[in-house]
Amino acid sequence: FYYRVPGITGDQWHCMSRQTDFTWKQVAIELMLQYVKRTQGSFIENKGSALVFQYRDADPDFGSMQAKDLSNYLGELLFGYPVSVMSGKGYVEVKLRGVNKGHAVEKVLRKLSNLHGDVDFVLCVGDDRSDEDMFAVINAMTEDGDQLCLPEGSGAGSSGLYRHTQSKDRIPRRNSVSSDENRAEAVVGNVEGLMKRDGSMQHAGALGSGLTSASSSTSLSGHTKKTSPHFFTCTVGKKPSNARYYLNDTEDVSDLLDSLQQCTEK
C-alpha cells in the first residue's frame, strides 16, 4: 500500500494508510494454509496490505470449489476486522479496506492537479475485478463535475496533458493555445476517432446490471452531459464492468496505445 509517481515524487514512496492493524493476517493465513494443503497447485501470496490464495495453476473445477468455501469462511472469521474479502479469476484475496487501485489513482491525480492544474486526459484500462474500484473513481470524478481543480492561489500553468478549465472557481485558461494543448486535443480526438472508425473500443452500455447508470448510451463515443469526453475507462473483454468502454483483447489495447504514441509524436 505504498505508491510513487516518478515524474513528481522521484524515488520517494508514499504510504496510503499509516495506522494499520495487521492482526487479521494471522487468522487469514492459518485458514488459507489449510486450503493450500488440500488444493494441489495453489499457494499464498503476501502483498503487504493483502493476502492472496492463488489457485490459477490448480484444477479449475476443484480450485473454484475450494475458493468458494474459503471465501465464505474468511468472511465469517474476519468479520469486524478492517478488511474485505474478494474473489477473482484464480484467486481469493483479503485486503485492507481503503487500500485499492481506486484510492491510489485518486491520490495520484490529486497530486498531479495540485502541481499542474486540471487533468485534461485520462485513459484508464484494466482487465480484472480489482480494477473496478479504479474505474468507479474515474467515473465519479466526471459525473460529479470534479475536474481536480487547482488550489486557490496556485500559479501553476498548463503544460503537457494538463490544462485549466473555464469555470467560476477555477483559474481561467489562457486565450493563446500552446502546441502542447493542441497535441492534447489531438490525442483525445484520436481516441474518439479510433472508436468511431473500427469499433475496437466500444461503449459498454448494454452489458447488464453490473454497469453504472452512466453507461446506458449505445453510441460508441456517446457520453452523458455531465461526462467529460477526456476521461475514458475501459475494461478488456466484453463483460459487466464499471468501465464505460471495452476493448476485445490485449492486442486491441496494444494497437490503441501505438496509435496514441504516433499521435503525440506528430
C-alpha atoms as a PDB file:
ATOM      1  CA  PHE A   1       0.000   0.000   0.000  1.00  0.00           C
ATOM      2  CA  TYR A   2       2.840   2.319  -0.969  1.00  0.00           C
ATOM      3  CA  TYR A   3       2.871   4.300  -4.193  1.00  0.00           C
ATOM      4  CA  ARG A   4       5.128   6.681  -6.057  1.00  0.00           C
ATOM      5  CA  VAL A   5       4.879   8.922  -9.114  1.00  0.00           C
ATOM      6  CA  PRO A   6       8.359   9.090 -10.708  1.00  0.00           C
ATOM      7  CA  GLY A   7       7.601  12.294 -12.618  1.00  0.00           C
ATOM      8  CA  ILE A   8       6.601  14.089  -9.414  1.00  0.00           C
ATOM      9  CA  THR A   9       7.975  12.369  -6.315  1.00  0.00           C
ATOM     10  CA  GLY A  10      11.021  10.759  -7.900  1.00  0.00           C
ATOM     11  CA  ASP A  11      12.025   7.645  -5.950  1.00  0.00           C
ATOM     12  CA  GLN A  12      10.089   8.679  -2.835  1.00  0.00           C
ATOM     13  CA  TRP A  13       7.357   6.265  -1.718  1.00  0.00           C
ATOM     14  CA  HIS A  14       4.134   7.410  -0.035  1.00  0.00           C
ATOM     15  CA  CYS A  15       2.006   5.288   2.287  1.00  0.00           C
ATOM     16  CA  MET A  16      -1.752   5.182   1.670  1.00  0.00           C
ATOM     17  CA  SER A  17      -2.590   4.090   5.236  1.00  0.00           C
ATOM     18  CA  ARG A  18      -0.166   4.643   8.108  1.00  0.00           C
ATOM     19  CA  GLN A  19      -2.064   3.355  11.144  1.00  0.00           C
ATOM     20  CA  THR A  20      -2.829  -0.239  10.293  1.00  0.00           C
ATOM     21  CA  ASP A  21      -3.944  -3.258  12.324  1.00  0.00           C
ATOM     22  CA  PHE A  22      -2.464  -6.484  10.919  1.00  0.00           C
ATOM     23  CA  THR A  23      -3.801  -8.937  13.495  1.00  0.00           C
ATOM     24  CA  TRP A  24      -6.192 -10.239  10.829  1.00  0.00           C
ATOM     25  CA  LYS A  25      -3.275 -11.666   8.872  1.00  0.00           C
ATOM     26  CA  GLN A  26      -2.558 -14.485  11.280  1.00  0.00           C
ATOM     27  CA  VAL A  27      -6.203 -15.558  11.226  1.00  0.00           C
ATOM     28  CA  ALA A  28      -6.363 -15.436   7.432  1.00  0.00           C
ATOM     29  CA  ILE A  29      -3.075 -17.187   6.746  1.00  0.00           C
ATOM     30  CA  GLU A  30      -3.826 -20.111   9.047  1.00  0.00           C
ATOM     31  CA  LEU A  31      -7.091 -20.780   7.231  1.00  0.00           C
ATOM     32  CA  MET A  32      -5.506 -20.307   3.804  1.00  0.00           C
ATOM     33  CA  LEU A  33      -2.771 -22.809   4.668  1.00  0.00           C
ATOM     34  CA  GLN A  34      -5.392 -25.496   5.239  1.00  0.00           C
ATOM     35  CA  TYR A  35      -6.749 -24.925   1.735  1.00  0.00           C
ATOM     36  CA  VAL A  36      -3.271 -24.870   0.192  1.00  0.00           C
ATOM     37  CA  LYS A  37      -2.617 -28.334   1.657  1.00  0.00           C
ATOM     38  CA  ARG A  38      -5.763 -29.762   0.071  1.00  0.00           C
ATOM     39  CA  THR A  39      -5.541 -27.890  -3.261  1.00  0.00           C
ATOM     40  CA  GLN A  40      -2.629 -29.018  -5.415  1.00  0.00           C
ATOM     41  CA  GLY A  41      -1.075 -26.158  -7.395  1.00  0.00           C
ATOM     42  CA  SER A  42      -2.278 -23.422  -5.029  1.00  0.00           C
ATOM     43  CA  PHE A  43      -0.131 -21.080  -2.934  1.00  0.00           C
ATOM     44  CA  ILE A  44      -0.359 -17.991  -0.723  1.00  0.00           C
ATOM     45  CA  GLU A  45       0.924 -14.593  -1.838  1.00  0.00           C
ATOM     46  CA  ASN A  46       1.666 -11.878   0.727  1.00  0.00           C
ATOM     47  CA  LYS A  47       1.211  -8.421  -0.812  1.00  0.00           C
ATOM     48  CA  GLY A  48       1.767  -6.433   2.377  1.00  0.00           C
ATOM     49  CA  SER A  49      -1.697  -4.915   2.569  1.00  0.00           C
ATOM     50  CA  ALA A  50      -3.297  -8.140   1.337  1.00  0.00           C
ATOM     51  CA  LEU A  51      -3.085 -11.932   1.487  1.00  0.00           C
ATOM     52  CA  VAL A  52      -3.987 -13.851  -1.661  1.00  0.00           C
ATOM     53  CA  PHE A  53      -4.877 -17.507  -2.097  1.00  0.00           C
ATOM     54  CA  GLN A  54      -3.755 -18.217  -5.672  1.00  0.00           C
ATOM     55  CA  TYR A  55      -5.184 -21.286  -7.379  1.00  0.00           C
ATOM     56  CA  ARG A  56      -4.770 -20.419 -11.066  1.00  0.00           C
ATOM     57  CA  ASP A  57      -2.476 -23.468 -11.532  1.00  0.00           C
ATOM     58  CA  ALA A  58      -4.835 -25.853  -9.737  1.00  0.00           C
ATOM     59  CA  ASP A  59      -7.583 -27.982 -11.272  1.00  0.00           C
ATOM     60  CA  PRO A  60     -10.155 -25.374 -12.409  1.00  0.00           C
ATOM     61  CA  ASP A  61     -13.255 -27.109 -11.049  1.00  0.00           C
ATOM     62  CA  PHE A  62     -11.775 -28.267  -7.753  1.00  0.00           C
ATOM     63  CA  GLY A  63      -9.935 -24.981  -7.303  1.00  0.00           C
ATOM     64  CA  SER A  64     -13.101 -22.952  -7.810  1.00  0.00           C
ATOM     65  CA  MET A  65     -14.983 -25.103  -5.319  1.00  0.00           C
ATOM     66  CA  GLN A  66     -12.260 -24.726  -2.687  1.00  0.00           C
ATOM     67  CA  ALA A  67     -12.017 -20.990  -3.327  1.00  0.00           C
ATOM     68  CA  LYS A  68     -15.742 -20.523  -2.798  1.00  0.00           C
ATOM     69  CA  ASP A  69     -15.580 -22.339   0.549  1.00  0.00           C
ATOM     70  CA  LEU A  70     -12.506 -20.387   1.603  1.00  0.00           C
ATOM     71  CA  SER A  71     -14.120 -17.065   0.715  1.00  0.00           C
ATOM     72  CA  ASN A  72     -17.174 -17.870   2.835  1.00  0.00           C
ATOM     73  CA  TYR A  73     -15.124 -18.951   5.854  1.00  0.00           C
ATOM     74  CA  LEU A  74     -12.842 -15.921   5.607  1.00  0.00           C
ATOM     75  CA  GLY A  75     -15.850 -13.626   5.567  1.00  0.00           C
ATOM     76  CA  GLU A  76     -17.142 -15.205   8.775  1.00  0.00           C
ATOM     77  CA  LEU A  77     -13.813 -15.372  10.640  1.00  0.00           C
ATOM     78  CA  LEU A  78     -12.710 -11.851   9.720  1.00  0.00           C
ATOM     79  CA  PHE A  79     -15.989 -10.129  10.495  1.00  0.00           C
ATOM     80  CA  GLY A  80     -15.192  -6.999  12.494  1.00  0.00           C
ATOM     81  CA  TYR A  81     -11.663  -6.599  11.123  1.00  0.00           C
ATOM     82  CA  PRO A  82     -10.861  -3.638   8.819  1.00  0.00           C
ATOM     83  CA  VAL A  83     -10.601  -5.906   5.781  1.00  0.00           C
ATOM     84  CA  SER A  84     -12.652  -7.052   2.806  1.00  0.00           C
ATOM     85  CA  VAL A  85     -12.705 -10.453   1.107  1.00  0.00           C
ATOM     86  CA  MET A  86     -12.998 -10.625  -2.659  1.00  0.00           C
ATOM     87  CA  SER A  87     -12.739 -13.368  -5.271  1.00  0.00           C
ATOM     88  CA  GLY A  88     -11.435 -13.103  -8.798  1.00  0.00           C
ATOM     89  CA  LYS A  89     -10.252 -15.296 -11.631  1.00  0.00           C
ATOM     90  CA  GLY A  90      -7.920 -17.789  -9.953  1.00  0.00           C
ATOM     91  CA  TYR A  91      -7.639 -16.100  -6.563  1.00  0.00           C
ATOM     92  CA  VAL A  92      -9.262 -15.189  -3.252  1.00  0.00           C
ATOM     93  CA  GLU A  93      -7.944 -12.010  -1.667  1.00  0.00           C
ATOM     94  CA  VAL A  94      -8.190 -10.500   1.800  1.00  0.00           C
ATOM     95  CA  LYS A  95      -7.169  -6.850   1.787  1.00  0.00           C
ATOM     96  CA  LEU A  96      -7.313  -3.785   3.974  1.00  0.00           C
ATOM     97  CA  ARG A  97     -10.318  -1.576   3.370  1.00  0.00           C
ATOM     98  CA  GLY A  98      -9.442   1.676   1.647  1.00  0.00           C
ATOM     99  CA  VAL A  99      -6.297   0.242   0.077  1.00  0.00           C
ATOM    100  CA  ASN A 100      -7.100  -0.346  -3.577  1.00  0.00           C
ATOM    101  CA  LYS A 101      -6.384   0.924  -7.065  1.00  0.00           C
ATOM    102  CA  GLY A 102      -9.204   3.428  -6.818  1.00  0.00           C
ATOM    103  CA  HIS A 103      -7.725   5.068  -3.732  1.00  0.00           C
ATOM    104  CA  ALA A 104      -4.280   5.065  -5.324  1.00  0.00           C
ATOM    105  CA  VAL A 105      -5.362   6.652  -8.609  1.00  0.00           C
ATOM    106  CA  GLU A 106      -7.340   9.314  -6.724  1.00  0.00           C
ATOM    107  CA  LYS A 107      -4.264  10.302  -4.710  1.00  0.00           C
ATOM    108  CA  VAL A 108      -2.053  10.383  -7.802  1.00  0.00           C
ATOM    109  CA  LEU A 109      -4.497  12.541  -9.777  1.00  0.00           C
ATOM    110  CA  ARG A 110      -4.904  14.925  -6.838  1.00  0.00           C
ATOM    111  CA  LYS A 111      -1.145  15.307  -6.626  1.00  0.00           C
ATOM    112  CA  LEU A 112      -0.876  15.919 -10.369  1.00  0.00           C
ATOM    113  CA  SER A 113      -3.654  18.524 -10.322  1.00  0.00           C
ATOM    114  CA  ASN A 114      -2.094  20.381  -7.394  1.00  0.00           C
ATOM    115  CA  LEU A 115       1.090  20.814  -9.426  1.00  0.00           C
ATOM    116  CA  HIS A 116      -0.196  21.258 -12.980  1.00  0.00           C
ATOM    117  CA  GLY A 117      -3.871  22.168 -12.853  1.00  0.00           C
ATOM    118  CA  ASP A 118      -6.859  20.154 -14.040  1.00  0.00           C
ATOM    119  CA  VAL A 119      -6.060  16.810 -15.599  1.00  0.00           C
ATOM    120  CA  ASP A 120      -7.031  17.041 -19.237  1.00  0.00           C
ATOM    121  CA  PHE A 121      -6.909  13.419 -20.364  1.00  0.00           C
ATOM    122  CA  VAL A 122      -7.184  10.031 -18.628  1.00  0.00           C
ATOM    123  CA  LEU A 123      -7.202   6.635 -20.290  1.00  0.00           C
ATOM    124  CA  CYS A 124      -7.814   4.038 -17.580  1.00  0.00           C
ATOM    125  CA  VAL A 125      -7.549   0.400 -18.773  1.00  0.00           C
ATOM    126  CA  GLY A 126      -7.809  -2.809 -16.744  1.00  0.00           C
ATOM    127  CA  ASP A 127      -8.908  -6.420 -17.106  1.00  0.00           C
ATOM    128  CA  ASP A 128      -9.509  -7.641 -13.556  1.00  0.00           C
ATOM    129  CA  ARG A 129     -12.086  -7.278 -10.836  1.00  0.00           C
ATOM    130  CA  SER A 130      -9.571  -5.337  -8.747  1.00  0.00           C
ATOM    131  CA  ASP A 131      -9.639  -2.623 -11.432  1.00  0.00           C
ATOM    132  CA  GLU A 132     -13.322  -1.880 -10.813  1.00  0.00           C
ATOM    133  CA  ASP A 133     -12.512   0.474  -7.899  1.00  0.00           C
ATOM    134  CA  MET A 134     -10.272   2.431 -10.263  1.00  0.00           C
ATOM    135  CA  PHE A 135     -12.990   2.698 -12.912  1.00  0.00           C
ATOM    136  CA  ALA A 136     -15.533   3.835 -10.319  1.00  0.00           C
ATOM    137  CA  VAL A 137     -13.271   6.632  -9.047  1.00  0.00           C
ATOM    138  CA  ILE A 138     -12.579   7.990 -12.535  1.00  0.00           C
ATOM    139  CA  ASN A 139     -16.275   7.833 -13.440  1.00  0.00           C
ATOM    140  CA  ALA A 140     -17.261   9.606 -10.205  1.00  0.00           C
ATOM    141  CA  MET A 141     -14.835  12.445 -10.960  1.00  0.00           C
ATOM    142  CA  THR A 142     -16.509  13.150 -14.279  1.00  0.00           C
ATOM    143  CA  GLU A 143     -20.080  12.588 -13.094  1.00  0.00           C
ATOM    144  CA  ASP A 144     -19.711  14.951 -10.149  1.00  0.00           C
ATOM    145  CA  GLY A 145     -18.013  17.614 -12.212  1.00  0.00           C
ATOM    146  CA  ASP A 146     -14.912  17.111 -10.109  1.00  0.00           C
ATOM    147  CA  GLN A 147     -12.175  18.070 -12.517  1.00  0.00           C
ATOM    148  CA  LEU A 148      -9.393  18.174  -9.920  1.00  0.00           C
ATOM    149  CA  CYS A 149      -9.276  21.964  -9.513  1.00  0.00           C
ATOM    150  CA  LEU A 150      -6.141  23.909  -8.748  1.00  0.00           C
ATOM    151  CA  PRO A 151      -5.822  25.092  -5.143  1.00  0.00           C
ATOM    152  CA  GLU A 152      -6.787  28.717  -4.766  1.00  0.00           C
ATOM    153  CA  GLY A 153      -3.783  30.988  -5.208  1.00  0.00           C
ATOM    154  CA  SER A 154      -1.748  28.445  -7.133  1.00  0.00           C
ATOM    155  CA  GLY A 155       0.206  29.909 -10.011  1.00  0.00           C
ATOM    156  CA  ALA A 156       0.797  26.698 -11.916  1.00  0.00           C
ATOM    157  CA  GLY A 157       0.272  26.954 -15.632  1.00  0.00           C
ATOM    158  CA  SER A 158      -0.981  24.384 -18.082  1.00  0.00           C
ATOM    159  CA  SER A 159       1.543  22.083 -19.741  1.00  0.00           C
ATOM    160  CA  GLY A 160       1.658  18.705 -21.383  1.00  0.00           C
ATOM    161  CA  LEU A 161      -1.653  16.946 -20.951  1.00  0.00           C
ATOM    162  CA  TYR A 162      -2.913  19.306 -18.262  1.00  0.00           C
ATOM    163  CA  ARG A 163      -4.986  22.400 -18.748  1.00  0.00           C
ATOM    164  CA  HIS A 164      -7.144  24.810 -16.797  1.00  0.00           C
ATOM    165  CA  THR A 165     -10.901  24.808 -17.364  1.00  0.00           C
ATOM    166  CA  GLN A 166     -13.109  27.856 -17.519  1.00  0.00           C
ATOM    167  CA  SER A 167     -15.430  27.781 -14.515  1.00  0.00           C
ATOM    168  CA  LYS A 168     -16.342  30.085 -11.684  1.00  0.00           C
ATOM    169  CA  ASP A 169     -13.920  28.699  -9.085  1.00  0.00           C
ATOM    170  CA  ARG A 170     -11.015  27.821 -11.329  1.00  0.00           C
ATOM    171  CA  ILE A 171      -8.112  29.707 -12.821  1.00  0.00           C
ATOM    172  CA  PRO A 172      -9.183  30.729 -16.354  1.00  0.00           C
ATOM    173  CA  ARG A 173      -7.497  29.203 -19.333  1.00  0.00           C
ATOM    174  CA  ARG A 174      -5.198  31.450 -21.343  1.00  0.00           C
ATOM    175  CA  ASN A 175      -6.502  32.788 -24.636  1.00  0.00           C
ATOM    176  CA  SER A 176      -3.491  31.554 -26.568  1.00  0.00           C
ATOM    177  CA  VAL A 177      -3.386  27.832 -27.299  1.00  0.00           C
ATOM    178  CA  SER A 178       0.023  26.214 -26.914  1.00  0.00           C
ATOM    179  CA  SER A 179       1.393  23.405 -29.077  1.00  0.00           C
ATOM    180  CA  ASP A 180       1.153  21.110 -26.041  1.00  0.00           C
ATOM    181  CA  GLU A 181      -2.560  21.845 -25.757  1.00  0.00           C
ATOM    182  CA  ASN A 182      -3.011  21.178 -29.476  1.00  0.00           C
ATOM    183  CA  ARG A 183      -1.270  17.851 -29.006  1.00  0.00           C
ATOM    184  CA  ALA A 184      -3.516  17.016 -26.064  1.00  0.00           C
ATOM    185  CA  GLU A 185      -6.609  17.767 -28.129  1.00  0.00           C
ATOM    186  CA  ALA A 186      -5.227  15.577 -30.913  1.00  0.00           C
ATOM    187  CA  VAL A 187      -4.786  12.685 -28.507  1.00  0.00           C
ATOM    188  CA  VAL A 188      -8.405  12.978 -27.350  1.00  0.00           C
ATOM    189  CA  GLY A 189      -9.634  13.206 -30.911  1.00  0.00           C
ATOM    190  CA  ASN A 190      -7.560  10.190 -31.884  1.00  0.00           C
ATOM    191  CA  VAL A 191      -9.129   8.026 -29.181  1.00  0.00           C
ATOM    192  CA  GLU A 192     -12.622   9.039 -30.246  1.00  0.00           C
ATOM    193  CA  GLY A 193     -11.695   8.544 -33.895  1.00  0.00           C
ATOM    194  CA  LEU A 194     -10.463   5.024 -33.247  1.00  0.00           C
ATOM    195  CA  MET A 195     -13.714   4.175 -31.503  1.00  0.00           C
ATOM    196  CA  LYS A 196     -15.826   5.535 -34.354  1.00  0.00           C
ATOM    197  CA  ARG A 197     -13.756   4.093 -37.172  1.00  0.00           C
ATOM    198  CA  ASP A 198     -13.458   0.394 -36.357  1.00  0.00           C
ATOM    199  CA  GLY A 199     -15.419  -0.102 -33.147  1.00  0.00           C
ATOM    200  CA  SER A 200     -12.427  -1.773 -31.464  1.00  0.00           C
ATOM    201  CA  MET A 201     -13.064   0.318 -28.376  1.00  0.00           C
ATOM    202  CA  GLN A 202     -16.801   0.064 -27.865  1.00  0.00           C
ATOM    203  CA  HIS A 203     -19.316   1.518 -25.492  1.00  0.00           C
ATOM    204  CA  ALA A 204     -20.147  -0.873 -22.655  1.00  0.00           C
ATOM    205  CA  GLY A 205     -23.704   0.357 -22.229  1.00  0.00           C
ATOM    206  CA  ALA A 206     -25.622  -2.843 -22.888  1.00  0.00           C
ATOM    207  CA  LEU A 207     -23.626  -5.299 -20.801  1.00  0.00           C
ATOM    208  CA  GLY A 208     -26.058  -5.765 -17.923  1.00  0.00           C
ATOM    209  CA  SER A 209     -26.941  -4.685 -14.407  1.00  0.00           C
ATOM    210  CA  GLY A 210     -23.318  -4.649 -13.252  1.00  0.00           C
ATOM    211  CA  LEU A 211     -22.749  -1.393 -15.103  1.00  0.00           C
ATOM    212  CA  THR A 212     -23.137   2.103 -13.744  1.00  0.00           C
ATOM    213  CA  SER A 213     -26.179   4.053 -14.866  1.00  0.00           C
ATOM    214  CA  ALA A 214     -23.981   6.478 -16.781  1.00  0.00           C
ATOM    215  CA  SER A 215     -23.081   3.664 -19.180  1.00  0.00           C
ATOM    216  CA  SER A 216     -26.508   3.378 -20.754  1.00  0.00           C
ATOM    217  CA  SER A 217     -25.754   5.073 -24.070  1.00  0.00           C
ATOM    218  CA  THR A 218     -25.485   2.887 -27.180  1.00  0.00           C
ATOM    219  CA  SER A 219     -23.269   5.334 -29.063  1.00  0.00           C
ATOM    220  CA  LEU A 220     -19.640   4.282 -29.379  1.00  0.00           C
ATOM    221  CA  SER A 221     -18.452   7.723 -28.370  1.00  0.00           C
ATOM    222  CA  GLY A 222     -21.557   8.975 -26.590  1.00  0.00           C
ATOM    223  CA  HIS A 223     -21.379  10.462 -23.118  1.00  0.00           C
ATOM    224  CA  THR A 224     -23.937  11.872 -20.763  1.00  0.00           C
ATOM    225  CA  LYS A 225     -23.992  15.637 -20.477  1.00  0.00           C
ATOM    226  CA  LYS A 226     -22.086  15.577 -17.203  1.00  0.00           C
ATOM    227  CA  THR A 227     -19.314  13.325 -18.503  1.00  0.00           C
ATOM    228  CA  SER A 228     -16.060  14.758 -19.781  1.00  0.00           C
ATOM    229  CA  PRO A 229     -15.085  13.227 -23.150  1.00  0.00           C
ATOM    230  CA  HIS A 230     -11.459  13.383 -21.993  1.00  0.00           C
ATOM    231  CA  PHE A 231     -11.903  10.650 -19.375  1.00  0.00           C
ATOM    232  CA  PHE A 232     -12.041   7.075 -20.680  1.00  0.00           C
ATOM    233  CA  THR A 233     -12.490   3.980 -18.510  1.00  0.00           C
ATOM    234  CA  CYS A 234     -12.037   0.762 -20.436  1.00  0.00           C
ATOM    235  CA  THR A 235     -12.113  -2.917 -19.488  1.00  0.00           C
ATOM    236  CA  VAL A 236     -10.500  -5.661 -21.565  1.00  0.00           C
ATOM    237  CA  GLY A 237     -13.063  -8.189 -22.741  1.00  0.00           C
ATOM    238  CA  LYS A 238     -16.826  -7.771 -23.014  1.00  0.00           C
ATOM    239  CA  LYS A 239     -18.229  -8.250 -19.505  1.00  0.00           C
ATOM    240  CA  PRO A 240     -20.213  -6.384 -16.837  1.00  0.00           C
ATOM    241  CA  SER A 241     -17.992  -3.614 -15.538  1.00  0.00           C
ATOM    242  CA  ASN A 242     -17.899  -0.106 -14.111  1.00  0.00           C
ATOM    243  CA  ALA A 243     -15.861   0.844 -17.192  1.00  0.00           C
ATOM    244  CA  ARG A 244     -17.726   2.774 -19.868  1.00  0.00           C
ATOM    245  CA  TYR A 245     -15.884   1.129 -22.750  1.00  0.00           C
ATOM    246  CA  TYR A 246     -14.289  -2.197 -23.554  1.00  0.00           C
ATOM    247  CA  LEU A 247     -11.538  -3.499 -25.800  1.00  0.00           C
ATOM    248  CA  ASN A 248     -11.804  -7.038 -27.095  1.00  0.00           C
ATOM    249  CA  ASP A 249      -8.323  -8.225 -26.084  1.00  0.00           C
ATOM    250  CA  THR A 250      -4.767  -7.177 -25.254  1.00  0.00           C
ATOM    251  CA  GLU A 251      -3.942  -6.868 -28.944  1.00  0.00           C
ATOM    252  CA  ASP A 252      -6.553  -4.105 -29.233  1.00  0.00           C
ATOM    253  CA  VAL A 253      -5.022  -2.409 -26.183  1.00  0.00           C
ATOM    254  CA  SER A 254      -1.592  -2.507 -27.820  1.00  0.00           C
ATOM    255  CA  ASP A 255      -2.973  -1.116 -31.095  1.00  0.00           C
ATOM    256  CA  LEU A 256      -4.682   1.741 -29.266  1.00  0.00           C
ATOM    257  CA  LEU A 257      -1.533   2.658 -27.324  1.00  0.00           C
ATOM    258  CA  ASP A 258       0.544   2.552 -30.523  1.00  0.00           C
ATOM    259  CA  SER A 259      -1.913   4.923 -32.192  1.00  0.00           C
ATOM    260  CA  LEU A 260      -1.772   7.310 -29.238  1.00  0.00           C
ATOM    261  CA  GLN A 261       2.018   7.264 -29.306  1.00  0.00           C
ATOM    262  CA  GLN A 262       2.066   8.082 -33.002  1.00  0.00           C
ATOM    263  CA  CYS A 263      -0.369  10.918 -32.385  1.00  0.00           C
ATOM    264  CA  THR A 264       1.742  12.515 -29.638  1.00  0.00           C
ATOM    265  CA  GLU A 265       4.915  12.233 -31.699  1.00  0.00           C
ATOM    266  CA  LYS A 266       3.480  14.195 -34.629  1.00  0.00           C
END
